[in-house]
C-alpha atoms as a PDB file:
ATOM      1  CA  ALA A   1       0.035  -0.132   0.094  1.00  0.00           C
ATOM      2  CA  ALA A   2       2.796   2.494   0.995  1.00  0.00           C
ATOM      3  CA  ALA A   3       4.597   1.798  -2.598  1.00  0.00           C
ATOM      4  CA  GLU A   4       1.125   2.358  -4.401  1.00  0.00           C
ATOM      5  CA  ALA A   5       0.983   5.517  -2.583  1.00  0.00           C
ATOM      6  CA  LYS A   6       4.295   6.860  -3.537  1.00  0.00           C
ATOM      7  CA  LYS A   7       3.722   5.905  -6.969  1.00  0.00           C
ATOM      8  CA  ALA A   8       0.501   7.765  -7.057  1.00  0.00           C
ATOM      9  CA  ALA A   9       2.333  10.630  -5.196  1.00  0.00           C
ATOM     10  CA  LYS A  10       5.102  10.895  -8.152  1.00  0.00           C
ATOM     11  CA  LEU A  11       2.326  10.706 -10.787  1.00  0.00           C
ATOM     12  CA  ALA A  12       0.452  13.136  -9.195  1.00  0.00           C
ATOM     13  CA  GLU A  13       3.949  15.544  -9.023  1.00  0.00           C
ATOM     14  CA  ALA A  14       4.371  14.642 -12.617  1.00  0.00           C
ATOM     15  CA  ALA A  15       0.987  15.715 -13.661  1.00  0.00           C
ATOM     16  CA  GLU A  16       1.239  19.057 -11.621  1.00  0.00           C
ATOM     17  CA  ALA A  17       4.530  19.827 -13.468  1.00  0.00           C
ATOM     18  CA  ALA A  18       2.829  19.165 -16.845  1.00  0.00           C
ATOM     19  CA  ALA A  19      -0.089  21.524 -15.861  1.00  0.00           C
ATOM     20  CA  ARG A  20       2.049  24.157 -14.834  1.00  0.00           C
ATOM     21  CA  ALA A  21       4.142  23.973 -17.993  1.00  0.00           C
ATOM     22  CA  ALA A  22       1.004  24.086 -20.142  1.00  0.00           C
ATOM     23  CA  ASP A  23      -0.165  27.230 -18.118  1.00  0.00           C
ATOM     24  CA  ASP A  24       2.985  28.876 -19.015  1.00  0.00           C
ATOM     25  CA  GLY A  25       2.839  27.612 -22.420  1.00  0.00           C
ATOM     26  CA  GLU A  26       5.594  25.031 -22.369  1.00  0.00           C
ATOM     27  CA  SER A  27       5.686  21.818 -23.349  1.00  0.00           C
ATOM     28  CA  VAL A  28       7.235  19.281 -20.650  1.00  0.00           C
ATOM     29  CA  ALA A  29       7.320  15.422 -21.452  1.00  0.00           C
ATOM     30  CA  PRO A  30       6.732  13.357 -18.304  1.00  0.00           C
ATOM     31  CA  PRO A  31       9.821  11.423 -16.771  1.00  0.00           C
ATOM     32  CA  ALA A  32       8.810   8.055 -18.439  1.00  0.00           C
ATOM     33  CA  VAL A  33       8.727   9.554 -21.942  1.00  0.00           C
ATOM     34  CA  VAL A  34      12.134  11.442 -21.380  1.00  0.00           C
ATOM     35  CA  SER A  35      13.849   7.944 -19.965  1.00  0.00           C
ATOM     36  CA  GLU A  36      12.294   6.051 -23.087  1.00  0.00           C
ATOM     37  CA  VAL A  37      13.664   8.712 -25.703  1.00  0.00           C
ATOM     38  CA  SER A  38      17.006   8.446 -23.888  1.00  0.00           C
ATOM     39  CA  GLY A  39      17.003   4.800 -24.205  1.00  0.00           C
ATOM     40  CA  ILE A  40      16.345   4.930 -28.096  1.00  0.00           C
ATOM     41  CA  GLU A  41      18.987   7.707 -28.490  1.00  0.00           C
ATOM     42  CA  LYS A  42      21.470   5.457 -26.744  1.00  0.00           C
ATOM     43  CA  LYS A  43      20.749   2.485 -28.694  1.00  0.00           C
ATOM     44  CA  LYS A  44      20.989   4.539 -31.735  1.00  0.00           C
ATOM     45  CA  ALA A  45      24.552   5.610 -30.692  1.00  0.00           C
ATOM     46  CA  SER A  46      25.635   1.995 -29.969  1.00  0.00           C
ATOM     47  CA  LYS A  47      24.476   0.722 -33.141  1.00  0.00           C
ATOM     48  CA  LEU A  48      26.135   3.402 -34.939  1.00  0.00           C
ATOM     49  CA  GLU A  49      29.513   2.846 -33.131  1.00  0.00           C
ATOM     50  CA  TYR A  50      29.129  -1.062 -33.920  1.00  0.00           C
ATOM     51  CA  GLN A  51      28.775  -0.293 -37.799  1.00  0.00           C
ATOM     52  CA  GLU A  52      31.725   2.180 -37.487  1.00  0.00           C
ATOM     53  CA  ALA A  53      33.873  -0.689 -36.327  1.00  0.00           C
ATOM     54  CA  VAL A  54      32.573  -3.275 -38.772  1.00  0.00           C
ATOM     55  CA  ALA A  55      33.590  -0.764 -41.447  1.00  0.00           C
ATOM     56  CA  LEU A  56      36.826  -0.131 -39.806  1.00  0.00           C
ATOM     57  CA  PHE A  57      37.508  -4.006 -39.784  1.00  0.00           C
ATOM     58  CA  ASN A  58      36.738  -4.004 -43.545  1.00  0.00           C
ATOM     59  CA  LYS A  59      39.632  -1.464 -44.095  1.00  0.00           C
ATOM     60  CA  LYS A  60      41.791  -2.482 -41.111  1.00  0.00           C
ATOM     61  CA  ALA A  61      41.159  -5.671 -39.545  1.00  0.00           C
ATOM     62  CA  LYS A  62      43.224  -5.115 -36.363  1.00  0.00           C
ATOM     63  CA  LYS A  63      41.807  -1.751 -35.893  1.00  0.00           C
ATOM     64  CA  GLY A  64      38.295  -2.827 -36.266  1.00  0.00           C
ATOM     65  CA  ILE A  65      38.745  -5.527 -33.792  1.00  0.00           C
ATOM     66  CA  ALA A  66      40.514  -3.005 -30.978  1.00  0.00           C
ATOM     67  CA  LEU A  67      37.225  -0.464 -31.709  1.00  0.00           C
ATOM     68  CA  MET A  68      34.761  -3.414 -31.094  1.00  0.00           C
ATOM     69  CA  GLN A  69      36.567  -4.274 -27.905  1.00  0.00           C
ATOM     70  CA  LYS A  70      36.711  -0.558 -26.820  1.00  0.00           C
ATOM     71  CA  ILE A  71      33.180  -0.238 -27.139  1.00  0.00           C
ATOM     72  CA  GLY A  72      32.372  -3.092 -25.205  1.00  0.00           C
ATOM     73  CA  ARG A  73      30.936  -5.179 -27.793  1.00  0.00           C
ATOM     74  CA  LEU A  74      33.760  -7.804 -28.355  1.00  0.00           C
ATOM     75  CA  GLY A  75      36.000  -9.982 -25.860  1.00  0.00           C
ATOM     76  CA  THR A  76      39.537 -10.436 -25.981  1.00  0.00           C
ATOM     77  CA  SER A  77      40.007 -14.149 -25.706  1.00  0.00           C
ATOM     78  CA  PRO A  78      40.969 -15.849 -28.918  1.00  0.00           C
ATOM     79  CA  ALA A  79      37.799 -17.835 -28.788  1.00  0.00           C
ATOM     80  CA  GLU A  80      35.644 -14.631 -28.794  1.00  0.00           C
ATOM     81  CA  ILE A  81      37.432 -12.853 -31.400  1.00  0.00           C
ATOM     82  CA  ALA A  82      37.083 -16.364 -33.547  1.00  0.00           C
ATOM     83  CA  GLU A  83      33.238 -16.364 -33.230  1.00  0.00           C
ATOM     84  CA  PHE A  84      33.070 -12.595 -34.006  1.00  0.00           C
ATOM     85  CA  LEU A  85      34.739 -13.420 -37.362  1.00  0.00           C
ATOM     86  CA  ARG A  86      32.710 -16.429 -38.066  1.00  0.00           C
ATOM     87  CA  ALA A  87      29.157 -14.907 -36.902  1.00  0.00           C
ATOM     88  CA  THR A  88      29.269 -11.016 -37.734  1.00  0.00           C
ATOM     89  CA  PRO A  89      27.254 -10.155 -40.604  1.00  0.00           C
ATOM     90  CA  ASP A  90      29.066  -7.523 -43.248  1.00  0.00           C
ATOM     91  CA  LEU A  91      32.417  -8.481 -42.579  1.00  0.00           C
ATOM     92  CA  ASP A  92      34.557  -8.647 -45.721  1.00  0.00           C
ATOM     93  CA  LYS A  93      35.434 -12.202 -46.273  1.00  0.00           C
ATOM     94  CA  SER A  94      38.916 -11.684 -47.982  1.00  0.00           C
ATOM     95  CA  VAL A  95      39.747  -9.367 -44.789  1.00  0.00           C
ATOM     96  CA  ILE A  96      38.815 -12.176 -42.788  1.00  0.00           C
ATOM     97  CA  GLY A  97      41.103 -14.486 -44.831  1.00  0.00           C
ATOM     98  CA  ASP A  98      43.952 -12.225 -44.742  1.00  0.00           C
ATOM     99  CA  TYR A  99      43.568 -11.542 -40.862  1.00  0.00           C
ATOM    100  CA  LEU A 100      43.287 -15.470 -40.203  1.00  0.00           C
ATOM    101  CA  GLY A 101      46.597 -16.212 -42.187  1.00  0.00           C
ATOM    102  CA  GLU A 102      48.963 -13.902 -40.464  1.00  0.00           C
ATOM    103  CA  ARG A 103      51.794 -15.480 -38.576  1.00  0.00           C
ATOM    104  CA  GLU A 104      51.736 -12.779 -35.671  1.00  0.00           C
ATOM    105  CA  GLU A 105      49.788 -12.941 -32.572  1.00  0.00           C
ATOM    106  CA  PRO A 106      47.051 -12.829 -31.701  1.00  0.00           C
ATOM    107  CA  ASN A 107      46.109 -13.653 -35.280  1.00  0.00           C
ATOM    108  CA  LEU A 108      47.616 -17.041 -35.172  1.00  0.00           C
ATOM    109  CA  THR A 109      46.186 -18.209 -32.055  1.00  0.00           C
ATOM    110  CA  VAL A 110      42.758 -16.670 -33.243  1.00  0.00           C
ATOM    111  CA  MET A 111      42.931 -18.807 -36.405  1.00  0.00           C
ATOM    112  CA  HIS A 112      43.523 -21.981 -34.515  1.00  0.00           C
ATOM    113  CA  ALA A 113      40.645 -21.274 -32.042  1.00  0.00           C
ATOM    114  CA  TYR A 114      38.433 -20.456 -35.405  1.00  0.00           C
ATOM    115  CA  VAL A 115      39.564 -23.832 -36.830  1.00  0.00           C
ATOM    116  CA  ASP A 116      39.210 -25.949 -33.623  1.00  0.00           C
ATOM    117  CA  ALA A 117      35.505 -24.659 -33.200  1.00  0.00           C
ATOM    118  CA  MET A 118      34.702 -26.361 -36.474  1.00  0.00           C
ATOM    119  CA  ASP A 119      33.276 -29.751 -36.681  1.00  0.00           C
ATOM    120  CA  PHE A 120      34.258 -31.961 -39.795  1.00  0.00           C
ATOM    121  CA  SER A 121      33.404 -35.241 -38.463  1.00  0.00           C
ATOM    122  CA  GLY A 122      32.264 -37.859 -40.807  1.00  0.00           C
ATOM    123  CA  GLN A 123      32.554 -35.387 -43.791  1.00  0.00           C
ATOM    124  CA  THR A 124      34.699 -36.386 -46.851  1.00  0.00           C
ATOM    125  CA  LEU A 125      37.567 -34.022 -47.618  1.00  0.00           C
ATOM    126  CA  ASP A 126      36.026 -32.095 -50.229  1.00  0.00           C
ATOM    127  CA  GLU A 127      32.651 -31.451 -48.124  1.00  0.00           C
ATOM    128  CA  ALA A 128      35.217 -30.316 -45.022  1.00  0.00           C
ATOM    129  CA  ILE A 129      36.912 -27.780 -47.326  1.00  0.00           C
ATOM    130  CA  ARG A 130      33.742 -26.363 -48.552  1.00  0.00           C
ATOM    131  CA  LYS A 131      32.595 -25.785 -44.981  1.00  0.00           C
ATOM    132  CA  PHE A 132      36.077 -24.401 -43.981  1.00  0.00           C
ATOM    133  CA  LEU A 133      36.077 -21.777 -46.580  1.00  0.00           C
ATOM    134  CA  GLU A 134      32.070 -20.504 -46.190  1.00  0.00           C
ATOM    135  CA  GLY A 135      33.316 -17.973 -43.658  1.00  0.00           C
ATOM    136  CA  PHE A 136      36.295 -16.570 -45.605  1.00  0.00           C
ATOM    137  CA  ARG A 137      38.087 -16.322 -48.775  1.00  0.00           C
ATOM    138  CA  LEU A 138      41.645 -17.720 -49.158  1.00  0.00           C
ATOM    139  CA  PRO A 139      44.337 -15.082 -49.077  1.00  0.00           C
ATOM    140  CA  GLY A 140      46.559 -14.560 -51.929  1.00  0.00           C
ATOM    141  CA  GLU A 141      49.683 -15.137 -50.250  1.00  0.00           C
ATOM    142  CA  SER A 142      50.989 -18.658 -50.339  1.00  0.00           C
ATOM    143  CA  GLN A 143      52.400 -18.363 -46.946  1.00  0.00           C
ATOM    144  CA  LYS A 144      48.955 -17.822 -45.457  1.00  0.00           C
ATOM    145  CA  ILE A 145      47.311 -20.308 -47.451  1.00  0.00           C
ATOM    146  CA  ASP A 146      49.852 -22.602 -46.327  1.00  0.00           C
ATOM    147  CA  ARG A 147      49.168 -21.724 -42.529  1.00  0.00           C
ATOM    148  CA  LEU A 148      45.375 -22.091 -42.767  1.00  0.00           C
ATOM    149  CA  MET A 149      45.274 -25.270 -44.830  1.00  0.00           C
ATOM    150  CA  GLU A 150      48.000 -26.803 -42.491  1.00  0.00           C
ATOM    151  CA  LYS A 151      45.715 -26.316 -39.453  1.00  0.00           C
ATOM    152  CA  PHE A 152      42.754 -27.366 -41.584  1.00  0.00           C
ATOM    153  CA  ALA A 153      44.619 -30.908 -42.325  1.00  0.00           C
ATOM    154  CA  GLU A 154      45.017 -31.255 -38.570  1.00  0.00           C
ATOM    155  CA  ARG A 155      41.895 -30.815 -37.454  1.00  0.00           C
ATOM    156  CA  TYR A 156      40.165 -32.708 -39.989  1.00  0.00           C
ATOM    157  CA  CYS A 157      42.296 -36.079 -39.464  1.00  0.00           C
ATOM    158  CA  GLY A 158      42.001 -35.468 -35.517  1.00  0.00           C
ATOM    159  CA  GLN A 159      38.043 -35.839 -36.324  1.00  0.00           C
ATOM    160  CA  ASN A 160      38.212 -38.561 -38.946  1.00  0.00           C
ATOM    161  CA  PRO A 161      40.886 -40.701 -37.752  1.00  0.00           C
ATOM    162  CA  GLY A 162      41.956 -43.504 -40.305  1.00  0.00           C
ATOM    163  CA  ALA A 163      41.076 -41.303 -43.074  1.00  0.00           C
ATOM    164  CA  TYR A 164      44.484 -40.905 -44.078  1.00  0.00           C
ATOM    165  CA  LYS A 165      47.759 -41.986 -42.960  1.00  0.00           C
ATOM    166  CA  SER A 166      48.894 -38.445 -41.715  1.00  0.00           C
ATOM    167  CA  ALA A 167      47.811 -34.993 -41.629  1.00  0.00           C
ATOM    168  CA  ASP A 168      50.114 -34.301 -44.548  1.00  0.00           C
ATOM    169  CA  THR A 169      48.394 -36.517 -46.698  1.00  0.00           C
ATOM    170  CA  ALA A 170      45.255 -34.443 -46.117  1.00  0.00           C
ATOM    171  CA  TYR A 171      47.159 -31.142 -46.489  1.00  0.00           C
ATOM    172  CA  VAL A 172      48.933 -32.024 -49.888  1.00  0.00           C
ATOM    173  CA  LEU A 173      45.177 -33.363 -51.254  1.00  0.00           C
ATOM    174  CA  SER A 174      43.490 -30.387 -50.027  1.00  0.00           C
ATOM    175  CA  PHE A 175      45.742 -28.230 -51.950  1.00  0.00           C
ATOM    176  CA  SER A 176      45.253 -30.441 -54.795  1.00  0.00           C
ATOM    177  CA  VAL A 177      41.285 -30.333 -54.485  1.00  0.00           C
ATOM    178  CA  ILE A 178      41.617 -26.212 -54.201  1.00  0.00           C
ATOM    179  CA  MET A 179      43.598 -26.116 -57.277  1.00  0.00           C
ATOM    180  CA  LEU A 180      41.414 -28.575 -59.235  1.00  0.00           C
ATOM    181  CA  ASN A 181      38.274 -26.227 -58.068  1.00  0.00           C
ATOM    182  CA  THR A 182      40.159 -23.363 -59.210  1.00  0.00           C
ATOM    183  CA  ASP A 183      41.299 -25.022 -62.696  1.00  0.00           C
ATOM    184  CA  ALA A 184      37.531 -25.946 -63.242  1.00  0.00           C
ATOM    185  CA  HIS A 185      35.875 -22.424 -62.511  1.00  0.00           C
ATOM    186  CA  ASN A 186      38.613 -20.320 -63.828  1.00  0.00           C
ATOM    187  CA  PRO A 187      37.337 -19.066 -67.521  1.00  0.00           C
ATOM    188  CA  GLN A 188      41.022 -17.900 -68.354  1.00  0.00           C
ATOM    189  CA  VAL A 189      42.195 -21.777 -68.022  1.00  0.00           C
ATOM    190  CA  LYS A 190      41.677 -23.250 -71.652  1.00  0.00           C
ATOM    191  CA  ASN A 191      43.156 -26.689 -70.707  1.00  0.00           C
ATOM    192  CA  LYS A 192      41.064 -28.105 -67.922  1.00  0.00           C
ATOM    193  CA  MET A 193      42.612 -30.879 -65.713  1.00  0.00           C
ATOM    194  CA  THR A 194      41.709 -34.350 -66.737  1.00  0.00           C
ATOM    195  CA  LYS A 195      40.625 -37.323 -64.169  1.00  0.00           C
ATOM    196  CA  GLU A 196      43.855 -38.905 -65.250  1.00  0.00           C
ATOM    197  CA  GLY A 197      45.938 -35.696 -64.702  1.00  0.00           C
ATOM    198  CA  PHE A 198      44.603 -35.393 -61.154  1.00  0.00           C
ATOM    199  CA  LEU A 199      45.284 -38.920 -60.229  1.00  0.00           C
ATOM    200  CA  ARG A 200      48.676 -38.624 -61.598  1.00  0.00           C
ATOM    201  CA  ASN A 201      49.370 -35.238 -59.595  1.00  0.00           C
ATOM    202  CA  ASN A 202      48.683 -37.209 -56.491  1.00  0.00           C
ATOM    203  CA  ARG A 203      50.482 -40.311 -56.695  1.00  0.00           C
ATOM    204  CA  GLY A 204      52.851 -41.222 -53.781  1.00  0.00           C
ATOM    205  CA  ILE A 205      51.035 -38.509 -51.265  1.00  0.00           C
ATOM    206  CA  ASP A 206      50.143 -40.931 -48.641  1.00  0.00           C
ATOM    207  CA  ASP A 207      53.427 -41.274 -46.850  1.00  0.00           C
ATOM    208  CA  GLY A 208      54.983 -42.806 -50.127  1.00  0.00           C
ATOM    209  CA  GLN A 209      51.975 -44.715 -51.204  1.00  0.00           C
ATOM    210  CA  ASP A 210      49.183 -43.991 -53.550  1.00  0.00           C
ATOM    211  CA  LEU A 211      45.598 -43.285 -52.207  1.00  0.00           C
ATOM    212  CA  PRO A 212      42.791 -45.413 -53.858  1.00  0.00           C
ATOM    213  CA  ALA A 213      42.191 -44.490 -57.035  1.00  0.00           C
ATOM    214  CA  GLU A 214      38.222 -44.636 -56.370  1.00  0.00           C
ATOM    215  CA  HIS A 215      38.897 -42.076 -53.565  1.00  0.00           C
ATOM    216  CA  LEU A 216      40.550 -39.766 -55.907  1.00  0.00           C
ATOM    217  CA  THR A 217      37.945 -40.127 -58.614  1.00  0.00           C
ATOM    218  CA  ASP A 218      35.027 -39.348 -55.911  1.00  0.00           C
ATOM    219  CA  LEU A 219      37.136 -36.101 -55.234  1.00  0.00           C
ATOM    220  CA  TYR A 220      37.551 -35.653 -58.985  1.00  0.00           C
END
């Protein structure tokens, strides 16, 4: 009852203030309305800051991440940054790939967290590669590609024991599949790789042994 009485008193005070303002020809919004408007403005400002951080990431990845952290929209752990890269709409996929391919820290640890969060269990190698590359574009620098694919092969073999004799096999074969895909879809390549050529290129990659021809044919 006491609480209701206090609430009624506050509403009465607000009504009196509004009435006095009306008598003076002024327009005064009730406190609840002012609070609601203030909340909307804060949300708009927060959204604008977030959009600015995304735009900055697409120009300078590290600076964009730093701004996200500064405005409190991103944590500092590698797992949190990796999830941000995977789940945030409007991030440039080429920029994500370049960031993940760097050898410096924290990029390298973030890349490992990014890959280790993925599940390739029970997938064929080409299915896993397709899933792996959904979230970013491979960078143009060969050393960056190398780091990414080496980690991918490690993760794939760890979740699919017995698929290949070693992660090195999956690594080499993954490169070969990517090259085959590029060859097939690049209109500038006139002489497309044949199945025989694909099998020939992958001889002896399984610790000196040949992979089953049926497996390579399925990948092709």
